[in-house]
Amino acid sequence: MPFVCAALGCNNMRSIESRSRGITIHKFPSDLELQRRWEAAVGRKGFVASKFSRLCSEHFRPEDLDKTGQTVRLREGVIPSVFNFPSHLKWVCEFYFL
């Protein structure tokens, strides 16, 4: 199954092409509180993650990623914070992260 990034306006998916560009795809956390914070961050009204929902590494700061091994992993407890939303949606993210 092709996994596509759930962030509003992002079309990255798990593929050889994205991997060659250094983009990795990550599952939503199983911790419900953290999962809700991710859901709010993606910028899609009423979005609820499913077991197939993913976010790409472009929505995390470099320090959020652990690249010490062969597999790129997210550090514990990180929340996606890098989004290129249209200007009329930017206030949502700013409000959320205050």
PDB file of N, CA and C in Angstrom:
ATOM      1  N   MET A   1       0.842  -1.177   0.000  1.00  0.00           N
ATOM      2  CA  MET A   1       0.000   0.000   0.000  1.00  0.00           C
ATOM      3  C   MET A   1       0.888   1.241   0.000  1.00  0.00           C
ATOM      4  N   PRO A   2       0.633   2.193  -0.900  1.00  0.00           N
ATOM      5  CA  PRO A   2       1.435   3.423  -0.910  1.00  0.00           C
ATOM      6  C   PRO A   2       0.995   4.353   0.216  1.00  0.00           C
ATOM      7  N   PHE A   3       1.929   4.724   1.060  1.00  0.00           N
ATOM      8  CA  PHE A   3       1.623   5.636   2.153  1.00  0.00           C
ATOM      9  C   PHE A   3       1.909   7.056   1.698  1.00  0.00           C
ATOM     10  N   VAL A   4       0.899   7.931   1.811  1.00  0.00           N
ATOM     11  CA  VAL A   4       1.005   9.332   1.415  1.00  0.00           C
ATOM     12  C   VAL A   4       0.978  10.178   2.682  1.00  0.00           C
ATOM     13  N   CYS A   5       1.764  11.235   2.692  1.00  0.00           N
ATOM     14  CA  CYS A   5       1.812  12.126   3.843  1.00  0.00           C
ATOM     15  C   CYS A   5       0.436  12.754   4.076  1.00  0.00           C
ATOM     16  N   ALA A   6       0.008  12.782   5.342  1.00  0.00           N
ATOM     17  CA  ALA A   6      -1.316  13.284   5.709  1.00  0.00           C
ATOM     18  C   ALA A   6      -1.375  14.801   5.864  1.00  0.00           C
ATOM     19  N   ALA A   7      -0.249  15.491   5.802  1.00  0.00           N
ATOM     20  CA  ALA A   7      -0.241  16.938   6.001  1.00  0.00           C
ATOM     21  C   ALA A   7      -0.942  17.653   4.850  1.00  0.00           C
ATOM     22  N   LEU A   8      -1.677  18.690   5.192  1.00  0.00           N
ATOM     23  CA  LEU A   8      -2.394  19.490   4.210  1.00  0.00           C
ATOM     24  C   LEU A   8      -1.432  20.024   3.153  1.00  0.00           C
ATOM     25  N   GLY A   9      -1.699  19.709   1.899  1.00  0.00           N
ATOM     26  CA  GLY A   9      -0.906  20.216   0.790  1.00  0.00           C
ATOM     27  C   GLY A   9       0.370  19.453   0.490  1.00  0.00           C
ATOM     28  N   CYS A  10       0.682  18.417   1.245  1.00  0.00           N
ATOM     29  CA  CYS A  10       1.906  17.642   1.011  1.00  0.00           C
ATOM     30  C   CYS A  10       1.578  16.400   0.194  1.00  0.00           C
ATOM     31  N   ASN A  11       2.363  16.153  -0.836  1.00  0.00           N
ATOM     32  CA  ASN A  11       2.136  15.002  -1.706  1.00  0.00           C
ATOM     33  C   ASN A  11       3.231  13.947  -1.605  1.00  0.00           C
ATOM     34  N   ASN A  12       4.098  14.067  -0.616  1.00  0.00           N
ATOM     35  CA  ASN A  12       5.161  13.074  -0.468  1.00  0.00           C
ATOM     36  C   ASN A  12       4.563  11.722  -0.110  1.00  0.00           C
ATOM     37  N   MET A  13       5.166  10.685  -0.654  1.00  0.00           N
ATOM     38  CA  MET A  13       4.720   9.326  -0.359  1.00  0.00           C
ATOM     39  C   MET A  13       5.928   8.420  -0.224  1.00  0.00           C
ATOM     40  N   ARG A  14       5.692   7.247   0.337  1.00  0.00           N
ATOM     41  CA  ARG A  14       6.777   6.280   0.465  1.00  0.00           C
ATOM     42  C   ARG A  14       7.073   5.730  -0.917  1.00  0.00           C
ATOM     43  N   SER A  15       8.247   6.069  -1.426  1.00  0.00           N
ATOM     44  CA  SER A  15       8.649   5.609  -2.753  1.00  0.00           C
ATOM     45  C   SER A  15      10.170   5.646  -2.845  1.00  0.00           C
ATOM     46  N   ILE A  16      10.679   5.024  -3.870  1.00  0.00           N
ATOM     47  CA  ILE A  16      12.124   5.042  -4.106  1.00  0.00           C
ATOM     48  C   ILE A  16      12.582   6.470  -4.368  1.00  0.00           C
ATOM     49  N   GLU A  17      11.773   7.231  -5.099  1.00  0.00           N
ATOM     50  CA  GLU A  17      12.128   8.619  -5.415  1.00  0.00           C
ATOM     51  C   GLU A  17      12.243   9.468  -4.151  1.00  0.00           C
ATOM     52  N   SER A  18      11.246   9.388  -3.266  1.00  0.00           N
ATOM     53  CA  SER A  18      11.308  10.197  -2.046  1.00  0.00           C
ATOM     54  C   SER A  18      12.460   9.740  -1.152  1.00  0.00           C
ATOM     55  N   ARG A  19      12.688   8.455  -1.089  1.00  0.00           N
ATOM     56  CA  ARG A  19      13.801   7.927  -0.289  1.00  0.00           C
ATOM     57  C   ARG A  19      15.140   8.450  -0.819  1.00  0.00           C
ATOM     58  N   SER A  20      15.273   8.527  -2.143  1.00  0.00           N
ATOM     59  CA  SER A  20      16.518   9.032  -2.731  1.00  0.00           C
ATOM     60  C   SER A  20      16.716  10.521  -2.427  1.00  0.00           C
ATOM     61  N   ARG A  21      15.627  11.229  -2.142  1.00  0.00           N
ATOM     62  CA  ARG A  21      15.709  12.647  -1.766  1.00  0.00           C
ATOM     63  C   ARG A  21      15.865  12.813  -0.255  1.00  0.00           C
ATOM     64  N   GLY A  22      15.956  11.691   0.473  1.00  0.00           N
ATOM     65  CA  GLY A  22      16.165  11.742   1.916  1.00  0.00           C
ATOM     66  C   GLY A  22      14.887  11.893   2.725  1.00  0.00           C
ATOM     67  N   ILE A  23      13.733  11.720   2.089  1.00  0.00           N
ATOM     68  CA  ILE A  23      12.451  11.850   2.779  1.00  0.00           C
ATOM     69  C   ILE A  23      12.043  10.488   3.324  1.00  0.00           C
ATOM     70  N   THR A  24      11.709  10.465   4.600  1.00  0.00           N
ATOM     71  CA  THR A  24      11.239   9.230   5.222  1.00  0.00           C
ATOM     72  C   THR A  24       9.788   9.418   5.660  1.00  0.00           C
ATOM     73  N   ILE A  25       9.077   8.310   5.800  1.00  0.00           N
ATOM     74  CA  ILE A  25       7.658   8.331   6.160  1.00  0.00           C
ATOM     75  C   ILE A  25       7.503   7.705   7.548  1.00  0.00           C
ATOM     76  N   HIS A  26       6.688   8.344   8.396  1.00  0.00           N
ATOM     77  CA  HIS A  26       6.571   7.916   9.790  1.00  0.00           C
ATOM     78  C   HIS A  26       5.117   7.725  10.203  1.00  0.00           C
ATOM     79  N   LYS A  27       4.872   6.649  10.974  1.00  0.00           N
ATOM     80  CA  LYS A  27       3.539   6.359  11.506  1.00  0.00           C
ATOM     81  C   LYS A  27       3.153   7.393  12.558  1.00  0.00           C
ATOM     82  N   PHE A  28       1.859   7.589  12.720  1.00  0.00           N
ATOM     83  CA  PHE A  28       1.366   8.401  13.824  1.00  0.00           C
ATOM     84  C   PHE A  28       1.624   7.634  15.119  1.00  0.00           C
ATOM     85  N   PRO A  29       1.875   8.336  16.209  1.00  0.00           N
ATOM     86  CA  PRO A  29       2.185   7.655  17.471  1.00  0.00           C
ATOM     87  C   PRO A  29       0.999   6.862  18.013  1.00  0.00           C
ATOM     88  N   SER A  30       1.285   5.821  18.752  1.00  0.00           N
ATOM     89  CA  SER A  30       0.221   5.023  19.364  1.00  0.00           C
ATOM     90  C   SER A  30      -0.306   5.684  20.640  1.00  0.00           C
ATOM     91  N   ASP A  31       0.499   6.529  21.279  1.00  0.00           N
ATOM     92  CA  ASP A  31       0.057   7.280  22.450  1.00  0.00           C
ATOM     93  C   ASP A  31      -1.042   8.257  22.010  1.00  0.00           C
ATOM     94  N   LEU A  32      -2.250   8.129  22.567  1.00  0.00           N
ATOM     95  CA  LEU A  32      -3.397   8.906  22.088  1.00  0.00           C
ATOM     96  C   LEU A  32      -3.243  10.410  22.263  1.00  0.00           C
ATOM     97  N   GLU A  33      -2.652  10.857  23.361  1.00  0.00           N
ATOM     98  CA  GLU A  33      -2.463  12.294  23.567  1.00  0.00           C
ATOM     99  C   GLU A  33      -1.522  12.863  22.507  1.00  0.00           C
ATOM    100  N   LEU A  34      -0.423  12.181  22.270  1.00  0.00           N
ATOM    101  CA  LEU A  34       0.529  12.624  21.257  1.00  0.00           C
ATOM    102  C   LEU A  34      -0.086  12.530  19.853  1.00  0.00           C
ATOM    103  N   GLN A  35      -0.850  11.484  19.608  1.00  0.00           N
ATOM    104  CA  GLN A  35      -1.512  11.328  18.312  1.00  0.00           C
ATOM    105  C   GLN A  35      -2.461  12.494  18.049  1.00  0.00           C
ATOM    106  N   ARG A  36      -3.217  12.924  19.054  1.00  0.00           N
ATOM    107  CA  ARG A  36      -4.147  14.054  18.898  1.00  0.00           C
ATOM    108  C   ARG A  36      -3.388  15.339  18.566  1.00  0.00           C
ATOM    109  N   ARG A  37      -2.224  15.508  19.151  1.00  0.00           N
ATOM    110  CA  ARG A  37      -1.416  16.705  18.859  1.00  0.00           C
ATOM    111  C   ARG A  37      -0.904  16.672  17.420  1.00  0.00           C
ATOM    112  N   TRP A  38      -0.537  15.494  16.939  1.00  0.00           N
ATOM    113  CA  TRP A  38      -0.126  15.346  15.534  1.00  0.00           C
ATOM    114  C   TRP A  38      -1.306  15.647  14.614  1.00  0.00           C
ATOM    115  N   GLU A  39      -2.475  15.107  14.961  1.00  0.00           N
ATOM    116  CA  GLU A  39      -3.672  15.323  14.139  1.00  0.00           C
ATOM    117  C   GLU A  39      -3.985  16.809  14.019  1.00  0.00           C
ATOM    118  N   ALA A  40      -3.859  17.540  15.120  1.00  0.00           N
ATOM    119  CA  ALA A  40      -4.111  18.979  15.104  1.00  0.00           C
ATOM    120  C   ALA A  40      -3.073  19.707  14.260  1.00  0.00           C
ATOM    121  N   ALA A  41      -1.851  19.229  14.276  1.00  0.00           N
ATOM    122  CA  ALA A  41      -0.757  19.899  13.569  1.00  0.00           C
ATOM    123  C   ALA A  41      -0.842  19.776  12.052  1.00  0.00           C
ATOM    124  N   VAL A  42      -1.478  18.725  11.528  1.00  0.00           N
ATOM    125  CA  VAL A  42      -1.458  18.502  10.076  1.00  0.00           C
ATOM    126  C   VAL A  42      -2.269  19.522   9.293  1.00  0.00           C
ATOM    127  N   GLY A  43      -3.128  20.284   9.955  1.00  0.00           N
ATOM    128  CA  GLY A  43      -3.838  21.368   9.283  1.00  0.00           C
ATOM    129  C   GLY A  43      -5.082  20.962   8.515  1.00  0.00           C
ATOM    130  N   ARG A  44      -5.617  19.801   8.805  1.00  0.00           N
ATOM    131  CA  ARG A  44      -6.829  19.326   8.124  1.00  0.00           C
ATOM    132  C   ARG A  44      -7.971  19.261   9.127  1.00  0.00           C
ATOM    133  N   LYS A  45      -8.982  20.089   8.914  1.00  0.00           N
ATOM    134  CA  LYS A  45     -10.118  20.169   9.833  1.00  0.00           C
ATOM    135  C   LYS A  45     -10.772  18.799  10.013  1.00  0.00           C
ATOM    136  N   GLY A  46     -10.942  18.409  11.268  1.00  0.00           N
ATOM    137  CA  GLY A  46     -11.609  17.159  11.587  1.00  0.00           C
ATOM    138  C   GLY A  46     -10.814  15.899  11.285  1.00  0.00           C
ATOM    139  N   PHE A  47      -9.533  16.036  10.995  1.00  0.00           N
ATOM    140  CA  PHE A  47      -8.718  14.873  10.647  1.00  0.00           C
ATOM    141  C   PHE A  47      -8.535  13.952  11.849  1.00  0.00           C
ATOM    142  N   VAL A  48      -8.771  12.669  11.632  1.00  0.00           N
ATOM    143  CA  VAL A  48      -8.513  11.640  12.642  1.00  0.00           C
ATOM    144  C   VAL A  48      -7.632  10.585  11.978  1.00  0.00           C
ATOM    145  N   ALA A  49      -6.494  10.320  12.571  1.00  0.00           N
ATOM    146  CA  ALA A  49      -5.536   9.372  11.994  1.00  0.00           C
ATOM    147  C   ALA A  49      -6.081   7.947  12.036  1.00  0.00           C
ATOM    148  N   SER A  50      -5.758   7.202  10.995  1.00  0.00           N
ATOM    149  CA  SER A  50      -6.076   5.772  10.964  1.00  0.00           C
ATOM    150  C   SER A  50      -4.765   5.002  11.126  1.00  0.00           C
ATOM    151  N   LYS A  51      -4.850   3.690  11.121  1.00  0.00           N
ATOM    152  CA  LYS A  51      -3.622   2.898  11.245  1.00  0.00           C
ATOM    153  C   LYS A  51      -2.739   3.045  10.008  1.00  0.00           C
ATOM    154  N   PHE A  52      -3.283   3.614   8.935  1.00  0.00           N
ATOM    155  CA  PHE A  52      -2.521   3.812   7.709  1.00  0.00           C
ATOM    156  C   PHE A  52      -1.979   5.235   7.561  1.00  0.00           C
ATOM    157  N   SER A  53      -2.322   6.135   8.465  1.00  0.00           N
ATOM    158  CA  SER A  53      -1.898   7.534   8.371  1.00  0.00           C
ATOM    159  C   SER A  53      -0.402   7.668   8.624  1.00  0.00           C
ATOM    160  N   ARG A  54       0.225   8.539   7.842  1.00  0.00           N
ATOM    161  CA  ARG A  54       1.666   8.769   7.942  1.00  0.00           C
ATOM    162  C   ARG A  54       1.975  10.256   7.759  1.00  0.00           C
ATOM    163  N   LEU A  55       3.122  10.672   8.257  1.00  0.00           N
ATOM    164  CA  LEU A  55       3.669  12.001   7.995  1.00  0.00           C
ATOM    165  C   LEU A  55       5.093  11.828   7.501  1.00  0.00           C
ATOM    166  N   CYS A  56       5.494  12.694   6.583  1.00  0.00           N
ATOM    167  CA  CYS A  56       6.858  12.600   6.064  1.00  0.00           C
ATOM    168  C   CYS A  56       7.816  13.429   6.915  1.00  0.00           C
ATOM    169  N   SER A  57       9.076  13.145   6.758  1.00  0.00           N
ATOM    170  CA  SER A  57      10.125  13.783   7.561  1.00  0.00           C
ATOM    171  C   SER A  57      10.255  15.276   7.298  1.00  0.00           C
ATOM    172  N   GLU A  58       9.681  15.778   6.208  1.00  0.00           N
ATOM    173  CA  GLU A  58       9.768  17.212   5.922  1.00  0.00           C
ATOM    174  C   GLU A  58       9.001  18.059   6.933  1.00  0.00           C
ATOM    175  N   HIS A  59       8.167  17.439   7.756  1.00  0.00           N
ATOM    176  CA  HIS A  59       7.363  18.184   8.725  1.00  0.00           C
ATOM    177  C   HIS A  59       7.957  18.157  10.129  1.00  0.00           C
ATOM    178  N   PHE A  60       9.187  17.697  10.218  1.00  0.00           N
ATOM    179  CA  PHE A  60       9.894  17.649  11.490  1.00  0.00           C
ATOM    180  C   PHE A  60      11.198  18.428  11.373  1.00  0.00           C
ATOM    181  N   ARG A  61      11.617  19.011  12.481  1.00  0.00           N
ATOM    182  CA  ARG A  61      12.899  19.714  12.507  1.00  0.00           C
ATOM    183  C   ARG A  61      14.024  18.682  12.441  1.00  0.00           C
ATOM    184  N   PRO A  62      15.184  19.042  11.905  1.00  0.00           N
ATOM    185  CA  PRO A  62      16.301  18.085  11.819  1.00  0.00           C
ATOM    186  C   PRO A  62      16.635  17.444  13.161  1.00  0.00           C
ATOM    187  N   GLU A  63      16.539  18.209  14.239  1.00  0.00           N
ATOM    188  CA  GLU A  63      16.871  17.656  15.557  1.00  0.00           C
ATOM    189  C   GLU A  63      15.802  16.687  16.080  1.00  0.00           C
ATOM    190  N   ASP A  64      14.646  16.622  15.418  1.00  0.00           N
ATOM    191  CA  ASP A  64      13.600  15.661  15.790  1.00  0.00           C
ATOM    192  C   ASP A  64      13.884  14.262  15.254  1.00  0.00           C
ATOM    193  N   LEU A  65      14.803  14.174  14.305  1.00  0.00           N
ATOM    194  CA  LEU A  65      15.102  12.906  13.635  1.00  0.00           C
ATOM    195  C   LEU A  65      16.378  12.281  14.192  1.00  0.00           C
ATOM    196  N   ASP A  66      16.327  10.995  14.442  1.00  0.00           N
ATOM    197  CA  ASP A  66      17.492  10.241  14.904  1.00  0.00           C
ATOM    198  C   ASP A  66      18.044   9.475  13.708  1.00  0.00           C
ATOM    199  N   LYS A  67      19.184   9.926  13.204  1.00  0.00           N
ATOM    200  CA  LYS A  67      19.792   9.314  12.019  1.00  0.00           C
ATOM    201  C   LYS A  67      21.052   8.533  12.371  1.00  0.00           C
ATOM    202  N   THR A  68      21.149   8.076  13.614  1.00  0.00           N
ATOM    203  CA  THR A  68      22.375   7.399  14.039  1.00  0.00           C
ATOM    204  C   THR A  68      22.507   5.984  13.492  1.00  0.00           C
ATOM    205  N   GLY A  69      21.419   5.320  13.207  1.00  0.00           N
ATOM    206  CA  GLY A  69      21.470   3.960  12.670  1.00  0.00           C
ATOM    207  C   GLY A  69      21.134   3.938  11.192  1.00  0.00           C
ATOM    208  N   GLN A  70      20.869   2.756  10.673  1.00  0.00           N
ATOM    209  CA  GLN A  70      20.484   2.623   9.271  1.00  0.00           C
ATOM    210  C   GLN A  70      19.093   3.172   9.016  1.00  0.00           C
ATOM    211  N   THR A  71      18.219   3.083  10.018  1.00  0.00           N
ATOM    212  CA  THR A  71      16.843   3.537   9.887  1.00  0.00           C
ATOM    213  C   THR A  71      16.684   4.903  10.536  1.00  0.00           C
ATOM    214  N   VAL A  72      16.059   5.840   9.825  1.00  0.00           N
ATOM    215  CA  VAL A  72      15.775   7.158  10.388  1.00  0.00           C
ATOM    216  C   VAL A  72      14.549   7.018  11.284  1.00  0.00           C
ATOM    217  N   ARG A  73      14.707   7.422  12.533  1.00  0.00           N
ATOM    218  CA  ARG A  73      13.605   7.324  13.493  1.00  0.00           C
ATOM    219  C   ARG A  73      13.313   8.702  14.079  1.00  0.00           C
ATOM    220  N   LEU A  74      12.080   8.855  14.561  1.00  0.00           N
ATOM    221  CA  LEU A  74      11.721  10.079  15.261  1.00  0.00           C
ATOM    222  C   LEU A  74      12.121   9.949  16.720  1.00  0.00           C
ATOM    223  N   ARG A  75      12.607  11.030  17.288  1.00  0.00           N
ATOM    224  CA  ARG A  75      12.921  11.023  18.711  1.00  0.00           C
ATOM    225  C   ARG A  75      11.608  10.976  19.501  1.00  0.00           C
ATOM    226  N   GLU A  76      11.670  10.464  20.689  1.00  0.00           N
ATOM    227  CA  GLU A  76      10.476  10.268  21.513  1.00  0.00           C
ATOM    228  C   GLU A  76       9.773  11.590  21.824  1.00  0.00           C
ATOM    229  N   GLY A  77       8.458  11.604  21.640  1.00  0.00           N
ATOM    230  CA  GLY A  77       7.632  12.749  22.025  1.00  0.00           C
ATOM    231  C   GLY A  77       7.630  13.938  21.087  1.00  0.00           C
ATOM    232  N   VAL A  78       8.255  13.829  19.914  1.00  0.00           N
ATOM    233  CA  VAL A  78       8.297  14.982  19.011  1.00  0.00           C
ATOM    234  C   VAL A  78       6.935  15.216  18.361  1.00  0.00           C
ATOM    235  N   ILE A  79       6.696  16.480  18.014  1.00  0.00           N
ATOM    236  CA  ILE A  79       5.458  16.881  17.348  1.00  0.00           C
ATOM    237  C   ILE A  79       5.845  17.557  16.042  1.00  0.00           C
ATOM    238  N   PRO A  80       5.188  17.206  14.941  1.00  0.00           N
ATOM    239  CA  PRO A  80       5.515  17.844  13.666  1.00  0.00           C
ATOM    240  C   PRO A  80       5.261  19.347  13.750  1.00  0.00           C
ATOM    241  N   SER A  81       6.203  20.140  13.243  1.00  0.00           N
ATOM    242  CA  SER A  81       6.073  21.595  13.375  1.00  0.00           C
ATOM    243  C   SER A  81       6.502  22.360  12.132  1.00  0.00           C
ATOM    244  N   VAL A  82       6.883  21.669  11.072  1.00  0.00           N
ATOM    245  CA  VAL A  82       7.353  22.341   9.859  1.00  0.00           C
ATOM    246  C   VAL A  82       6.310  22.133   8.765  1.00  0.00           C
ATOM    247  N   PHE A  83       5.560  23.197   8.476  1.00  0.00           N
ATOM    248  CA  PHE A  83       4.511  23.123   7.466  1.00  0.00           C
ATOM    249  C   PHE A  83       4.556  24.369   6.605  1.00  0.00           C
ATOM    250  N   ASN A  84       4.204  24.218   5.348  1.00  0.00           N
ATOM    251  CA  ASN A  84       4.148  25.343   4.425  1.00  0.00           C
ATOM    252  C   ASN A  84       2.683  25.573   4.052  1.00  0.00           C
ATOM    253  N   PHE A  85       1.882  25.922   5.065  1.00  0.00           N
ATOM    254  CA  PHE A  85       0.464  26.139   4.836  1.00  0.00           C
ATOM    255  C   PHE A  85       0.240  27.445   4.081  1.00  0.00           C
ATOM    256  N   PRO A  86      -0.865  27.546   3.352  1.00  0.00           N
ATOM    257  CA  PRO A  86      -1.238  28.832   2.755  1.00  0.00           C
ATOM    258  C   PRO A  86      -1.375  29.874   3.867  1.00  0.00           C
ATOM    259  N   SER A  87      -1.137  31.143   3.536  1.00  0.00           N
ATOM    260  CA  SER A  87      -1.105  32.198   4.556  1.00  0.00           C
ATOM    261  C   SER A  87      -2.386  32.278   5.378  1.00  0.00           C
ATOM    262  N   HIS A  88      -3.546  31.977   4.783  1.00  0.00           N
ATOM    263  CA  HIS A  88      -4.792  32.070   5.546  1.00  0.00           C
ATOM    264  C   HIS A  88      -4.934  30.947   6.574  1.00  0.00           C
ATOM    265  N   LEU A  89      -4.055  29.941   6.526  1.00  0.00           N
ATOM    266  CA  LEU A  89      -4.104  28.861   7.509  1.00  0.00           C
ATOM    267  C   LEU A  89      -2.972  28.931   8.528  1.00  0.00           C
ATOM    268  N   LYS A  90      -2.012  29.824   8.331  1.00  0.00           N
ATOM    269  CA  LYS A  90      -0.845  29.859   9.213  1.00  0.00           C
ATOM    270  C   LYS A  90      -1.204  30.180  10.656  1.00  0.00           C
ATOM    271  N   TRP A  91      -2.231  30.975  10.873  1.00  0.00           N
ATOM    272  CA  TRP A  91      -2.602  31.321  12.247  1.00  0.00           C
ATOM    273  C   TRP A  91      -2.990  30.091  13.051  1.00  0.00           C
ATOM    274  N   VAL A  92      -3.524  29.074  12.403  1.00  0.00           N
ATOM    275  CA  VAL A  92      -3.920  27.854  13.104  1.00  0.00           C
ATOM    276  C   VAL A  92      -2.701  27.218  13.752  1.00  0.00           C
ATOM    277  N   CYS A  93      -1.621  27.097  12.993  1.00  0.00           N
ATOM    278  CA  CYS A  93      -0.390  26.497  13.520  1.00  0.00           C
ATOM    279  C   CYS A  93       0.217  27.378  14.607  1.00  0.00           C
ATOM    280  N   GLU A  94       0.246  28.689  14.384  1.00  0.00           N
ATOM    281  CA  GLU A  94       0.826  29.585  15.370  1.00  0.00           C
ATOM    282  C   GLU A  94       0.049  29.503  16.680  1.00  0.00           C
ATOM    283  N   PHE A  95      -1.267  29.441  16.596  1.00  0.00           N
ATOM    284  CA  PHE A  95      -2.104  29.338  17.782  1.00  0.00           C
ATOM    285  C   PHE A  95      -1.838  28.030  18.514  1.00  0.00           C
ATOM    286  N   TYR A  96      -1.725  26.953  17.760  1.00  0.00           N
ATOM    287  CA  TYR A  96      -1.544  25.627  18.341  1.00  0.00           C
ATOM    288  C   TYR A  96      -0.230  25.517  19.109  1.00  0.00           C
ATOM    289  N   PHE A  97       0.828  26.109  18.580  1.00  0.00           N
ATOM    290  CA  PHE A  97       2.153  25.919  19.170  1.00  0.00           C
ATOM    291  C   PHE A  97       2.528  26.986  20.193  1.00  0.00           C
ATOM    292  N   LEU A  98       1.620  27.885  20.541  1.00  0.00           N
ATOM    293  CA  LEU A  98       1.932  28.885  21.568  1.00  0.00           C
ATOM    294  C   LEU A  98       1.967  28.276  22.944  1.00  0.00           C
TER     295      LEU A  98
END
